[in-house]
Protein backbone atom coordinates (compact mmCIF):
# COMPACT_ATOMS: atom_id res chain seq x y z
CA MET A 1 0.05 0.12 -0.23
CA PRO A 2 1.61 3.38 -0.84
CA ASP A 3 2.46 5.91 1.92
CA PRO A 4 -0.34 8.51 2.74
CA TYR A 5 1.88 10.90 2.85
CA GLN A 6 3.79 11.34 0.16
CA ALA A 7 6.16 14.93 -0.01
CA VAL A 8 5.92 17.72 -2.76
CA GLY A 9 8.13 20.69 -2.81
CA HIS A 10 8.29 24.06 -4.64
CA GLY A 11 10.00 26.10 -6.86
CA ARG A 12 9.49 29.00 -9.44
CA GLY A 13 9.68 28.73 -12.35
CA PRO A 14 12.39 31.16 -14.38
CA SER A 15 10.38 33.41 -16.10
CA ALA A 16 7.91 34.32 -12.46
CA TYR A 17 11.12 34.83 -11.03
CA LEU A 18 12.80 37.43 -13.39
CA GLY A 19 9.60 39.01 -13.82
CA SER A 20 9.04 39.72 -10.41
CA ARG A 21 12.51 41.35 -9.82
CA MET A 22 13.34 44.97 -10.35
CA TRP A 23 16.66 44.33 -11.75
CA VAL A 24 16.37 42.29 -15.13
CA ILE A 25 15.11 45.41 -17.26
CA PRO A 26 18.00 47.86 -16.38
CA VAL A 27 20.68 44.88 -16.81
CA LEU A 28 19.00 43.66 -20.31
CA CYS A 29 19.16 47.54 -21.51
CA LEU A 30 22.67 47.69 -20.24
CA VAL A 31 24.01 44.71 -22.23
CA GLY A 32 21.88 45.96 -25.40
CA GLY A 33 23.36 49.36 -25.25
CA VAL A 34 26.97 47.63 -25.16
CA GLY A 35 26.09 45.44 -28.12
CA LEU A 36 24.47 48.62 -30.25
CA CYS A 37 27.41 50.46 -30.02
CA LEU A 38 29.94 47.32 -30.80
CA GLY A 39 27.30 47.47 -33.79
CA THR A 40 27.77 50.71 -34.81
CA LEU A 41 31.22 50.62 -34.37
CA ALA A 42 31.84 47.73 -36.88
CA ILE A 43 28.99 49.55 -39.56
CA ASP A 44 31.75 52.40 -39.04
CA ARG A 45 34.78 50.98 -39.68
CA ALA A 46 33.49 48.78 -42.58
CA THR A 47 32.62 52.25 -44.46
CA GLY A 48 35.73 53.70 -43.58
CA TYR A 49 34.34 56.06 -41.19
CA ARG A 50 32.81 57.88 -44.33
CA LEU A 51 29.33 56.95 -43.72
CA LEU A 52 28.21 60.37 -42.40
CA ASN A 53 29.63 63.80 -43.00
CA THR A 54 31.86 64.83 -40.35
CA GLY A 55 31.30 68.55 -40.77
CA LEU A 56 28.00 67.68 -39.41
CA LEU A 57 29.23 65.71 -36.46
CA GLY A 58 32.47 67.61 -35.53
CA THR A 59 35.91 66.77 -34.82
CA SER A 60 37.03 63.41 -32.88
CA SER A 61 37.45 65.58 -29.63
CA ASN A 62 34.35 67.27 -30.04
CA ALA A 63 32.59 63.64 -30.20
CA GLN A 64 34.78 62.38 -27.14
CA THR A 65 33.95 65.84 -25.20
CA ILE A 66 30.13 64.80 -25.92
CA LEU A 67 30.27 61.45 -24.79
CA SER A 68 32.00 62.42 -21.73
CA ALA A 69 29.47 64.50 -20.95
CA VAL A 70 26.65 61.98 -22.02
CA ALA A 71 28.23 59.25 -19.68
CA ALA A 72 28.81 61.75 -16.54
CA THR A 73 24.82 62.78 -17.17
CA MET A 74 23.69 59.27 -17.01
CA THR A 75 25.33 58.69 -13.82
CA THR A 76 23.15 61.16 -12.35
CA LEU A 77 19.96 60.36 -13.81
CA ILE A 78 20.22 56.78 -12.78
CA PRO A 79 20.48 57.31 -8.63
CA LEU A 80 17.71 60.13 -9.85
CA VAL A 81 15.44 57.59 -10.52
CA LEU A 82 16.51 55.07 -7.75
CA THR A 83 15.91 57.79 -5.07
CA ILE A 84 12.33 58.24 -6.44
CA THR A 85 11.49 55.14 -6.11
CA THR A 86 12.62 54.98 -2.90
CA VAL A 87 10.86 57.94 -1.60
CA ALA A 88 7.47 56.17 -3.26
CA VAL A 89 8.08 53.28 -1.56
CA GLN A 90 8.99 55.26 2.04
CA LEU A 91 5.51 56.89 1.74
CA ALA A 92 3.44 54.03 0.81
CA MET A 93 4.87 51.84 3.33
CA GLY A 94 4.16 54.49 5.98
CA GLN A 95 0.67 56.17 5.12
CA PHE A 96 -1.27 53.54 2.78
CA SER A 97 0.32 49.65 3.05
CA PRO A 98 3.18 47.74 3.15
CA ARG A 99 1.64 45.66 0.81
CA ILE A 100 1.97 48.39 -2.23
CA VAL A 101 5.26 47.84 -2.09
CA GLY A 102 5.78 45.35 -4.25
CA ALA A 103 3.64 47.03 -6.93
CA LEU A 104 5.82 49.91 -6.73
CA LEU A 105 9.04 47.85 -7.52
CA HIS A 106 7.64 46.29 -10.26
CA ASP A 107 6.51 49.47 -12.16
CA ARG A 108 7.36 49.37 -15.53
CA VAL A 109 8.14 52.61 -16.23
CA SER A 110 10.51 53.36 -13.55
CA GLN A 111 12.29 50.34 -14.81
CA TRP A 112 12.53 51.20 -18.53
CA ALA A 113 13.45 54.67 -17.91
CA MET A 114 16.50 53.23 -15.58
CA GLY A 115 16.94 50.80 -18.16
CA LEU A 116 17.20 53.50 -21.09
CA PHE A 117 19.49 55.64 -18.74
CA THR A 118 21.99 52.87 -17.98
CA ALA A 119 22.00 51.96 -21.84
CA THR A 120 22.73 55.22 -22.72
CA PHE A 121 25.90 55.37 -20.16
CA ALA A 122 27.14 51.87 -21.42
CA PHE A 123 26.74 53.03 -24.75
CA ALA A 124 28.71 56.24 -24.28
CA ILE A 125 31.54 54.74 -22.61
CA VAL A 126 32.30 52.38 -24.79
CA ALA A 127 31.77 54.84 -28.11
CA MET A 128 34.05 57.13 -26.07
CA ARG A 129 36.70 54.65 -25.77
CA ASN A 130 36.55 54.13 -29.53
CA VAL A 131 36.86 57.32 -30.64
CA ASP A 132 40.60 57.80 -32.56
CA VAL A 133 42.46 61.39 -32.11
CA SER A 134 42.88 61.95 -35.84
CA PRO A 135 40.16 64.25 -36.89
CA ASP A 136 39.20 62.46 -39.79
CA ARG A 137 38.10 59.33 -38.29
CA VAL A 138 35.04 60.24 -36.42
CA PRO A 139 32.64 57.11 -36.37
CA GLY A 140 29.97 59.34 -37.58
CA LEU A 141 26.79 56.46 -36.91
CA THR A 142 28.09 55.93 -33.59
CA VAL A 143 28.18 59.77 -32.40
CA LEU A 144 24.75 60.24 -34.08
CA THR A 145 23.31 57.10 -32.52
CA ALA A 146 24.30 58.77 -28.72
CA TYR A 147 22.83 62.21 -29.86
CA VAL A 148 19.68 60.04 -30.33
CA LEU A 149 19.61 58.17 -27.61
CA VAL A 150 20.30 61.19 -25.22
CA LEU A 151 17.61 63.19 -26.68
CA ALA A 152 15.40 59.61 -25.94
CA SER A 153 16.67 59.87 -22.38
CA ILE A 154 15.42 63.45 -22.01
CA VAL A 155 12.20 62.83 -23.57
CA GLY A 156 11.94 59.38 -21.17
CA LEU A 157 13.35 61.83 -18.18
CA ILE A 158 10.12 64.06 -18.43
CA MET A 159 7.88 61.17 -18.85
CA TYR A 160 9.49 59.58 -15.87
CA VAL A 161 8.85 62.47 -13.94
CA HIS A 162 5.30 63.38 -15.09
CA HIS A 163 4.61 59.32 -14.08
CA SER A 164 6.42 59.63 -10.34
CA SER A 165 4.67 62.86 -9.32
CA ARG A 166 1.19 61.10 -10.40
CA SER A 167 2.12 57.82 -8.51
CA LEU A 168 3.00 59.81 -5.27
CA ARG A 169 -0.26 60.96 -4.81
CA ALA A 170 -2.82 58.84 -2.93
CA ALA A 171 -5.15 58.67 -5.79
CA GLY A 172 -2.06 57.76 -7.91
CA ILE A 173 -1.43 54.52 -5.71
CA ILE A 174 -4.80 53.67 -5.18
CA ASP A 175 -5.46 53.47 -9.08
CA LEU A 176 -2.46 51.15 -9.18
CA VAL A 177 -3.94 48.87 -7.15
CA GLY A 178 -7.22 49.50 -8.66
CA ASP A 179 -6.33 48.79 -12.14
CA HIS A 180 -4.49 45.53 -11.41
CA THR A 181 -7.20 44.29 -9.54
CA HIS A 182 -9.82 45.02 -12.23
CA ARG A 183 -7.78 43.11 -14.92
CA GLU A 184 -7.30 40.32 -12.66
CA ILE A 185 -11.33 40.14 -12.12
CA ASP A 186 -11.71 40.35 -15.77
CA ARG A 187 -9.53 37.45 -16.49
CA LEU A 188 -10.53 35.31 -14.02
CA TYR A 189 -14.16 36.10 -13.83
CA PRO A 190 -14.91 36.77 -17.23
CA VAL A 191 -19.21 37.89 -18.31
CA GLU A 192 -19.34 34.66 -19.95
CA PRO A 193 -17.99 31.28 -18.36
CA ARG A 194 -15.24 29.88 -20.63
CA GLU A 195 -16.79 26.59 -20.38
CA PRO A 196 -20.44 25.12 -19.45
CA PRO A 197 -20.49 23.66 -16.62
CA GLY A 198 -21.18 20.11 -17.95
CA PRO A 199 -22.19 16.83 -16.05
CA ASP A 200 -19.91 15.48 -13.05
CA THR A 201 -18.07 12.78 -14.15
CA GLU A 202 -15.77 13.39 -10.80
CA LYS A 203 -14.66 9.61 -10.04
CA PRO A 204 -16.96 7.83 -7.28
CA PRO A 205 -15.20 7.56 -3.75
CA THR A 206 -13.88 4.45 -3.03
CA ALA A 207 -12.44 2.85 -0.11
CA GLU A 208 -8.94 4.21 -1.36
CA ARG A 209 -9.96 7.57 -2.47
CA ASP A 210 -11.84 8.15 1.33
CA ALA A 211 -8.49 7.62 2.74
CA GLY A 212 -7.71 10.89 1.41
CA HIS A 213 -4.12 10.82 1.27
CA GLU A 214 -2.06 13.91 1.54
CA VAL A 215 0.60 15.63 -0.64
CA LEU A 216 2.76 17.66 1.73
CA ASN A 217 5.45 20.37 0.79
CA THR A 218 8.71 19.15 1.66
CA GLY A 219 10.40 22.71 0.44
CA ASP A 220 10.35 25.61 2.48
CA PRO A 221 7.32 27.30 3.91
CA GLY A 222 5.89 30.27 1.76
CA ILE A 223 2.75 31.88 0.56
CA LEU A 224 0.63 29.63 -2.26
CA VAL A 225 1.07 32.01 -5.42
CA ARG A 226 0.62 29.80 -8.74
CA PHE A 227 -1.15 26.43 -9.58
CA ASP A 228 -0.10 25.39 -13.05
CA LEU A 229 -3.54 23.76 -13.85
CA VAL A 230 -3.08 22.65 -16.93
CA ARG A 231 -0.13 20.48 -16.09
CA LEU A 232 -2.21 19.10 -12.58
CA VAL A 233 -4.78 18.33 -14.72
CA GLN A 234 -2.43 16.36 -17.27
CA LEU A 235 -0.65 14.55 -13.97
CA ALA A 236 -3.86 13.65 -12.65
CA ALA A 237 -5.40 12.38 -15.77
CA ARG A 238 -2.24 10.32 -16.21
CA ALA A 239 -2.12 8.96 -12.67
CA ASP A 240 -6.06 8.20 -12.97
CA CYS A 241 -6.78 10.10 -9.78
CA VAL A 242 -8.60 13.39 -8.39
CA LEU A 243 -6.14 16.39 -6.59
CA GLU A 244 -7.68 18.58 -4.20
CA ALA A 245 -5.81 21.72 -3.30
CA VAL A 246 -5.75 22.35 0.42
CA PRO A 247 -4.94 25.71 0.46
CA MET A 248 -6.28 28.71 -1.52
CA MET A 249 -4.46 31.22 -3.41
CA GLY A 250 -2.81 33.13 -0.79
CA ASP A 251 -2.68 31.14 1.74
CA PHE A 252 0.45 30.47 3.83
CA VAL A 253 1.75 26.98 3.69
CA HIS A 254 3.96 25.42 5.95
CA GLY A 255 7.12 23.20 5.62
CA ASP A 256 5.37 19.62 6.05
CA GLY A 257 1.85 21.44 5.62
CA PRO A 258 -0.74 19.52 3.04
CA LEU A 259 -0.96 20.93 -0.66
CA PHE A 260 -3.24 18.20 -1.98
CA ARG A 261 -5.59 15.75 -1.03
CA VAL A 262 -5.45 12.41 -3.60
CA ARG A 263 -8.31 10.64 -4.26
CA GLY A 264 -6.85 7.64 -6.08
CA ASP A 265 -3.70 5.51 -6.29
CA ILE A 266 -1.09 8.44 -4.74
CA GLY A 267 1.90 6.14 -5.99
CA ARG A 268 1.17 6.53 -9.94
CA LEU A 269 1.54 10.34 -9.46
CA ASP A 270 4.80 12.16 -11.03
CA GLN A 271 6.06 13.79 -7.90
CA ALA A 272 9.09 16.04 -9.67
CA ALA A 273 6.16 17.32 -12.17
CA LEU A 274 3.88 17.84 -9.43
CA ARG A 275 6.25 19.83 -7.31
CA ARG A 276 7.19 22.22 -10.37
CA ALA A 277 3.26 22.89 -10.68
CA VAL A 278 3.14 24.63 -7.59
CA ASP A 279 4.81 27.75 -6.42
CA LEU A 280 4.93 29.62 -3.06
CA GLY A 281 6.85 32.75 -3.03
CA ASP A 282 7.27 35.15 -0.01
CA GLU A 283 4.36 37.41 -0.17
CA ARG A 284 1.18 37.22 -2.20
CA THR A 285 0.43 38.68 -5.91
CA HIS A 286 -1.94 40.34 -8.26
CA GLU A 287 -1.96 37.40 -10.58
CA ASP A 288 -4.72 34.60 -10.09
CA ASP A 289 -5.38 36.32 -6.52
CA CYS A 290 -7.38 39.11 -7.27
CA ALA A 291 -8.57 38.95 -3.67
CA TYR A 292 -5.07 40.21 -2.72
CA GLY A 293 -5.82 43.28 -4.49
CA ILE A 294 -9.00 43.96 -2.68
CA ARG A 295 -7.30 43.22 0.18
CA LYS A 296 -4.58 45.94 -0.33
CA LEU A 297 -7.21 48.70 -0.91
CA VAL A 298 -8.95 47.51 2.56
CA ASP A 299 -5.67 48.12 4.00
CA ILE A 300 -5.56 51.83 2.69
CA THR A 301 -8.99 52.40 3.56
CA GLU A 302 -8.37 51.40 7.20
CA ARG A 303 -5.03 53.25 7.84
CA SER A 304 -6.60 56.01 6.26
CA ILE A 305 -9.35 56.40 9.39
CA ALA A 306 -6.90 55.55 11.68
CA VAL A 307 -4.86 57.78 14.08
CA PRO A 308 -2.66 59.73 13.50
CA PHE A 309 -3.50 59.69 10.02
CA ASN A 310 -7.34 60.64 9.99
CA ASP A 311 -8.00 60.92 6.31
CA PRO A 312 -11.55 59.82 5.45
CA THR A 313 -11.25 61.92 2.36
CA THR A 314 -8.61 59.13 1.05
CA ALA A 315 -10.95 56.57 2.54
CA VAL A 316 -13.33 57.44 0.53
CA GLN A 317 -11.09 57.12 -2.99
CA SER A 318 -10.22 53.53 -1.72
CA ILE A 319 -13.67 52.60 -0.91
CA ASP A 320 -14.78 53.85 -4.82
CA ARG A 321 -12.38 51.00 -5.87
CA LEU A 322 -13.68 48.67 -3.67
CA HIS A 323 -16.97 49.34 -5.29
CA ASP A 324 -16.19 49.02 -8.76
CA CYS A 325 -14.23 45.45 -8.00
CA LEU A 326 -17.56 44.67 -6.04
CA ARG A 327 -19.65 45.73 -8.92
CA GLN A 328 -17.99 43.64 -11.40
CA LEU A 329 -18.66 40.61 -9.58
CA ALA A 330 -21.99 41.20 -8.60
CA CYS A 331 -23.62 39.53 -11.65
CA ARG A 332 -20.76 37.46 -12.94
CA PRO A 333 -20.31 33.71 -12.70
CA PHE A 334 -17.82 32.41 -10.36
CA PRO A 335 -15.45 29.47 -11.18
CA SER A 336 -16.90 26.08 -9.65
CA GLY A 337 -13.27 25.15 -8.81
CA ARG A 338 -13.67 22.06 -10.42
CA HIS A 339 -11.04 21.43 -13.55
CA ARG A 340 -11.84 18.55 -15.88
CA ASP A 341 -9.58 16.65 -18.53
CA GLU A 342 -10.28 16.28 -22.62
CA ASP A 343 -12.68 13.60 -21.69
CA GLY A 344 -14.89 15.71 -19.19
CA THR A 345 -13.51 13.86 -15.96
CA VAL A 346 -12.51 16.29 -13.02
CA ARG A 347 -9.09 15.91 -12.32
CA VAL A 348 -8.28 19.19 -10.26
CA ILE A 349 -10.46 20.69 -7.41
CA THR A 350 -9.22 24.17 -6.04
CA ARG A 351 -11.09 26.66 -3.72
CA SER A 352 -11.88 30.18 -4.20
CA LEU A 353 -13.87 32.95 -2.52
CA THR A 354 -17.43 33.14 -3.23
CA TRP A 355 -19.45 36.24 -3.30
CA ALA A 356 -20.48 36.38 -0.03
CA GLY A 357 -16.42 36.00 0.62
CA PHE A 358 -15.53 39.06 -1.81
CA VAL A 359 -18.33 41.04 0.09
CA ARG A 360 -17.06 40.17 3.72
CA LEU A 361 -13.50 40.89 2.36
CA ALA A 362 -14.29 44.14 1.16
CA LEU A 363 -16.49 45.44 3.95
CA ASP A 364 -15.98 43.86 7.34
CA GLU A 365 -13.05 45.35 8.74
CA ILE A 366 -13.87 48.67 6.95
CA ARG A 367 -17.26 48.77 8.39
CA LEU A 368 -16.31 48.23 12.00
CA ALA A 369 -13.51 50.26 11.93
CA GLY A 370 -15.14 53.49 10.16
CA CYS A 371 -18.59 53.47 11.91
CA SER A 372 -17.95 56.58 13.66
CA THR A 373 -16.26 58.59 10.16
CA PRO A 374 -19.52 59.71 9.13
CA GLN A 375 -17.83 60.03 5.43
CA VAL A 376 -17.07 56.12 5.29
CA THR A 377 -20.63 55.13 6.62
CA ARG A 378 -22.57 57.60 3.96
CA ARG A 379 -19.85 55.99 1.45
CA VAL A 380 -20.30 52.32 2.40
CA ARG A 381 -24.51 52.64 2.47
CA ALA A 382 -24.16 54.29 -1.02
CA LEU A 383 -22.03 51.24 -2.35
CA ILE A 384 -24.61 48.85 -0.66
CA ASP A 385 -27.35 50.51 -1.79
CA ASP A 386 -25.86 50.38 -5.50
CA LEU A 387 -24.96 46.20 -5.38
CA LYS A 388 -28.37 45.87 -4.01
CA ARG A 389 -30.10 47.14 -6.71
CA LEU A 390 -27.66 45.21 -9.27
CA ALA A 391 -27.13 42.15 -7.72
CA PRO A 392 -29.59 38.74 -8.18
CA PRO A 393 -31.74 37.82 -5.88
CA GLU A 394 -29.61 34.69 -4.75
CA ARG A 395 -26.50 37.20 -4.28
CA GLN A 396 -28.72 39.61 -1.69
CA PRO A 397 -28.26 38.17 1.91
CA PRO A 398 -24.63 39.20 1.98
CA LEU A 399 -25.42 42.71 1.38
CA ASP A 400 -28.56 42.10 3.71
CA ARG A 401 -25.82 41.42 6.41
CA GLN A 402 -23.73 44.28 5.74
CA LEU A 403 -26.52 46.95 5.93
CA ARG A 404 -27.87 45.62 8.95
CA LEU A 405 -24.47 45.46 10.88
CA LEU A 406 -23.79 49.06 9.23
CA GLU A 407 -26.67 50.25 11.05
CA ALA A 408 -26.34 48.54 14.23
CA GLY A 409 -22.71 49.72 14.60
CA VAL A 410 -23.85 53.40 13.71
CA ARG A 411 -26.38 53.36 16.48
CA ARG A 412 -23.80 52.38 18.71
CA ALA A 413 -21.06 55.29 17.71
CA TYR A 414 -24.12 58.01 18.03
CA ASP A 415 -26.53 58.99 20.63
CA ASP A 416 -28.65 61.54 18.49
CA GLU A 417 -31.37 60.47 15.79
CA GLU A 418 -30.13 63.08 13.40
CA ASP A 419 -26.60 62.21 13.40
CA ILE A 420 -27.72 58.64 13.19
CA ASP A 421 -29.80 59.19 10.18
CA THR A 422 -26.65 61.35 8.61
CA ALA A 423 -24.20 59.19 8.75
CA LEU A 424 -26.82 56.14 7.53
CA THR A 425 -27.30 58.42 4.02
CA ALA A 426 -26.09 57.12 1.01
CA ASP A 427 -23.78 59.71 -0.60
CA TYR A 428 -21.05 58.64 -3.06
CA GLN A 429 -18.58 61.36 -1.71
CA GLY A 430 -19.01 60.51 1.45
CA ILE A 431 -20.28 64.16 2.31
CA GLY A 432 -21.26 66.36 -1.00
CA SER A 433 -23.68 64.16 -3.17
CA GLY A 434 -26.34 62.63 -0.41
CA SER A 435 -30.07 63.72 -0.89
CA ASP A 436 -29.66 65.51 2.50
CA VAL A 437 -26.94 67.76 1.11
CA ALA A 438 -27.74 68.02 -2.89
CA ARG A 439 -30.47 68.62 -4.86
């Protein structure tokens, strides 16, 4: 009889590892700058340095001076990008949420700006060492390419400063998280289901399957960030078994913690392939985990109304994006979590949040923390009222629960009936567009 506790570790694939690293694009641009310079120098030598008019580009001495100035300028711009990124990270950690740091460090605009400046620096350094002192031997194409890179760097600097100034605003950081979450909801919860549910052809339990053999994690502990579902279905079909995922996306998996329960002959599973199909990381990611984006928005909202910040207007901005996320989900079909092979047989079963789970994730903590803040309660009331008009009947109970608890919390926070009525008036601006303050 096979051992009921088989082990499986984890490992992140090269693409996932490189995609989460800030240094990858700058390093690739550095190599690209060197390669571009070597290519233009080779063309200049092959044409006898007569490809472009030297009168247009100046003498070799002029070229060396210009290239030296370009290299010195780029050594100033590269630390500028790092400094602005560091300031953004410190601001986000202190005022909003430590979970925002990952999104800021992975900001592609910052990475490409640093990459452009790095490539220009590398190009200028290599070109400067290959400019002859003879006035009639100026590598014209190389010098012209350096001019183009400098102009591109100036444009890139202007765009980067504009982007950074927008990102450092509260609205910019909230929109960054909200946009990521919006895209993931569209991908994971499409308006129409990708596949019809079909009949449930999961194999009936047997005595062996009822034993529920567990597949354990033997690697380092970490947070579940990815299932390779296509590969898992193939492995389960090949072993003629069903894999039930124990952790949900975003759960922390302990060393020797269970990853799967196996219904079937666990001895037929390819252990090495199963190991490569599960990724554990040091923190949650937006990919395949749209609940993480909602978690970030809730954190921002709670911190905005906590002492010493006391910034309910920022909290309302964050609730706006939570409202947008819940509106997307309100009428969309939710995945069953059952993943089938080509024959329609269920092979992998995963867990995910229900509609009630998303509503509680988005509203429970905000409601408890913000009952004494009129802007928050009025905005939450507007959110609930709008979702109740939109959601189908079977999704009304979680909203009714939130409305009932919101009213109870407000009544505990205020003694005056007029204050209670004011705090429970729906208002999309917090205070500004409710029926009691606007016509």
